[in-house]
Every structure is written in structure tokens, then in C-alpha cells.
Amino acid sequence: MSVSLAPELYYLSNFRTALAWVAERYADLLADEERAFLDTFNTLPWPSQALLVRMISARAVIFV
């Protein structure tokens, strides 16, 4: 599914591009948990995806 994202969501667009690239080229090397992440991530609404990517890339160690 291709969703047109606002320019300020460049980080989500880049992350989704990277995930698609990995899935396309290395799916056979991924662990079950990694494949499950790819499948689950792609089913999330884009605001949820954006939040997760921001949290992953943030420098904070703990989110409360």
C-alpha cells in the first residue's frame, strides 16, 4: 500500500523504504519475529507507524 505522506514525515517514508528493501532482498534470512514485525508494522495506520519510528529513533532511553 502506498500512502502519500507529508514532507515532514520523511523519516517514516525513509523507514518504510528501508523495510521494503530488506523484505524484498533478504526475506529468506529474516527470523520469524522479524518477518512478523514487517507484517504487523505494515498493517498499522500511518500515524502509529510514525510514532513508533520517532520513538525508535529518539535518543531517550525510557518512554513512560
C-alpha atoms as a PDB file:
ATOM      1  CA  MET A   1       0.000   0.000   0.000  1.00  0.00           C
ATOM      2  CA  SER A   2       1.417   3.356  -0.991  1.00  0.00           C
ATOM      3  CA  VAL A   3       0.301   6.283   1.108  1.00  0.00           C
ATOM      4  CA  SER A   4       1.302   9.807   0.175  1.00  0.00           C
ATOM      5  CA  LEU A   5       2.972  11.252   3.255  1.00  0.00           C
ATOM      6  CA  ALA A   6       3.537  14.889   4.156  1.00  0.00           C
ATOM      7  CA  PRO A   7       7.145  16.091   3.692  1.00  0.00           C
ATOM      8  CA  GLU A   8       7.604  16.396   7.460  1.00  0.00           C
ATOM      9  CA  LEU A   9       7.150  12.615   7.690  1.00  0.00           C
ATOM     10  CA  TYR A  10      10.339  11.998   5.695  1.00  0.00           C
ATOM     11  CA  TYR A  11      11.640   9.750   8.483  1.00  0.00           C
ATOM     12  CA  LEU A  12       8.639   7.427   8.136  1.00  0.00           C
ATOM     13  CA  SER A  13       8.964   7.373   4.371  1.00  0.00           C
ATOM     14  CA  ASN A  14      12.658   6.505   4.666  1.00  0.00           C
ATOM     15  CA  PHE A  15      11.963   3.788   7.256  1.00  0.00           C
ATOM     16  CA  ARG A  16       9.233   2.227   5.112  1.00  0.00           C
ATOM     17  CA  THR A  17      11.542   2.295   2.087  1.00  0.00           C
ATOM     18  CA  ALA A  18      14.267   0.560   4.094  1.00  0.00           C
ATOM     19  CA  LEU A  19      11.855  -2.093   5.384  1.00  0.00           C
ATOM     20  CA  ALA A  20      10.565  -2.782   1.873  1.00  0.00           C
ATOM     21  CA  TRP A  21      14.133  -3.072   0.575  1.00  0.00           C
ATOM     22  CA  VAL A  22      15.088  -5.541   3.317  1.00  0.00           C
ATOM     23  CA  ALA A  23      11.892  -7.576   2.840  1.00  0.00           C
ATOM     24  CA  GLU A  24      12.406  -7.739  -0.912  1.00  0.00           C
ATOM     25  CA  ARG A  25      16.041  -8.798  -0.807  1.00  0.00           C
ATOM     26  CA  TYR A  26      16.527 -10.662   2.458  1.00  0.00           C
ATOM     27  CA  ALA A  27      13.149 -12.109   3.484  1.00  0.00           C
ATOM     28  CA  ASP A  28      14.604 -15.619   3.464  1.00  0.00           C
ATOM     29  CA  LEU A  29      17.256 -14.586   6.020  1.00  0.00           C
ATOM     30  CA  LEU A  30      14.880 -12.943   8.498  1.00  0.00           C
ATOM     31  CA  ALA A  31      13.859 -14.627  11.738  1.00  0.00           C
ATOM     32  CA  ASP A  32      10.183 -15.341  12.344  1.00  0.00           C
ATOM     33  CA  GLU A  33       9.983 -12.398  14.766  1.00  0.00           C
ATOM     34  CA  GLU A  34      11.474 -10.050  12.182  1.00  0.00           C
ATOM     35  CA  ARG A  35       9.033 -11.182   9.489  1.00  0.00           C
ATOM     36  CA  ALA A  36       6.179 -10.762  11.983  1.00  0.00           C
ATOM     37  CA  PHE A  37       7.358  -7.204  12.685  1.00  0.00           C
ATOM     38  CA  LEU A  38       7.343  -6.387   8.964  1.00  0.00           C
ATOM     39  CA  ASP A  39       3.845  -7.811   8.554  1.00  0.00           C
ATOM     40  CA  THR A  40       2.468  -6.104  11.658  1.00  0.00           C
ATOM     41  CA  PHE A  41       4.128  -2.746  11.005  1.00  0.00           C
ATOM     42  CA  ASN A  42       2.615  -2.573   7.535  1.00  0.00           C
ATOM     43  CA  THR A  43      -0.898  -3.092   8.915  1.00  0.00           C
ATOM     44  CA  LEU A  44      -0.659  -0.182  11.372  1.00  0.00           C
ATOM     45  CA  PRO A  45      -2.228   3.173  10.451  1.00  0.00           C
ATOM     46  CA  TRP A  46       0.435   5.649   9.309  1.00  0.00           C
ATOM     47  CA  PRO A  47       0.170   7.841  12.453  1.00  0.00           C
ATOM     48  CA  SER A  48       1.012   4.775  14.564  1.00  0.00           C
ATOM     49  CA  GLN A  49       3.887   3.911  12.254  1.00  0.00           C
ATOM     50  CA  ALA A  50       5.192   7.473  12.504  1.00  0.00           C
ATOM     51  CA  LEU A  51       5.047   7.430  16.306  1.00  0.00           C
ATOM     52  CA  LEU A  52       6.874   4.109  16.525  1.00  0.00           C
ATOM     53  CA  VAL A  53       9.618   5.264  14.152  1.00  0.00           C
ATOM     54  CA  ARG A  54      10.053   8.505  16.113  1.00  0.00           C
ATOM     55  CA  MET A  55      10.299   6.554  19.376  1.00  0.00           C
ATOM     56  CA  ILE A  56      12.817   4.108  17.884  1.00  0.00           C
ATOM     57  CA  SER A  57      14.982   6.936  16.570  1.00  0.00           C
ATOM     58  CA  ALA A  58      14.721   9.124  19.691  1.00  0.00           C
ATOM     59  CA  ARG A  59      17.689   9.410  21.998  1.00  0.00           C
ATOM     60  CA  ALA A  60      15.602   8.902  25.134  1.00  0.00           C
ATOM     61  CA  VAL A  61      16.046   5.540  26.800  1.00  0.00           C
ATOM     62  CA  ILE A  62      12.688   5.253  28.551  1.00  0.00           C
ATOM     63  CA  PHE A  63       9.204   6.249  27.414  1.00  0.00           C
ATOM     64  CA  VAL A  64       6.579   6.442  30.115  1.00  0.00           C
END
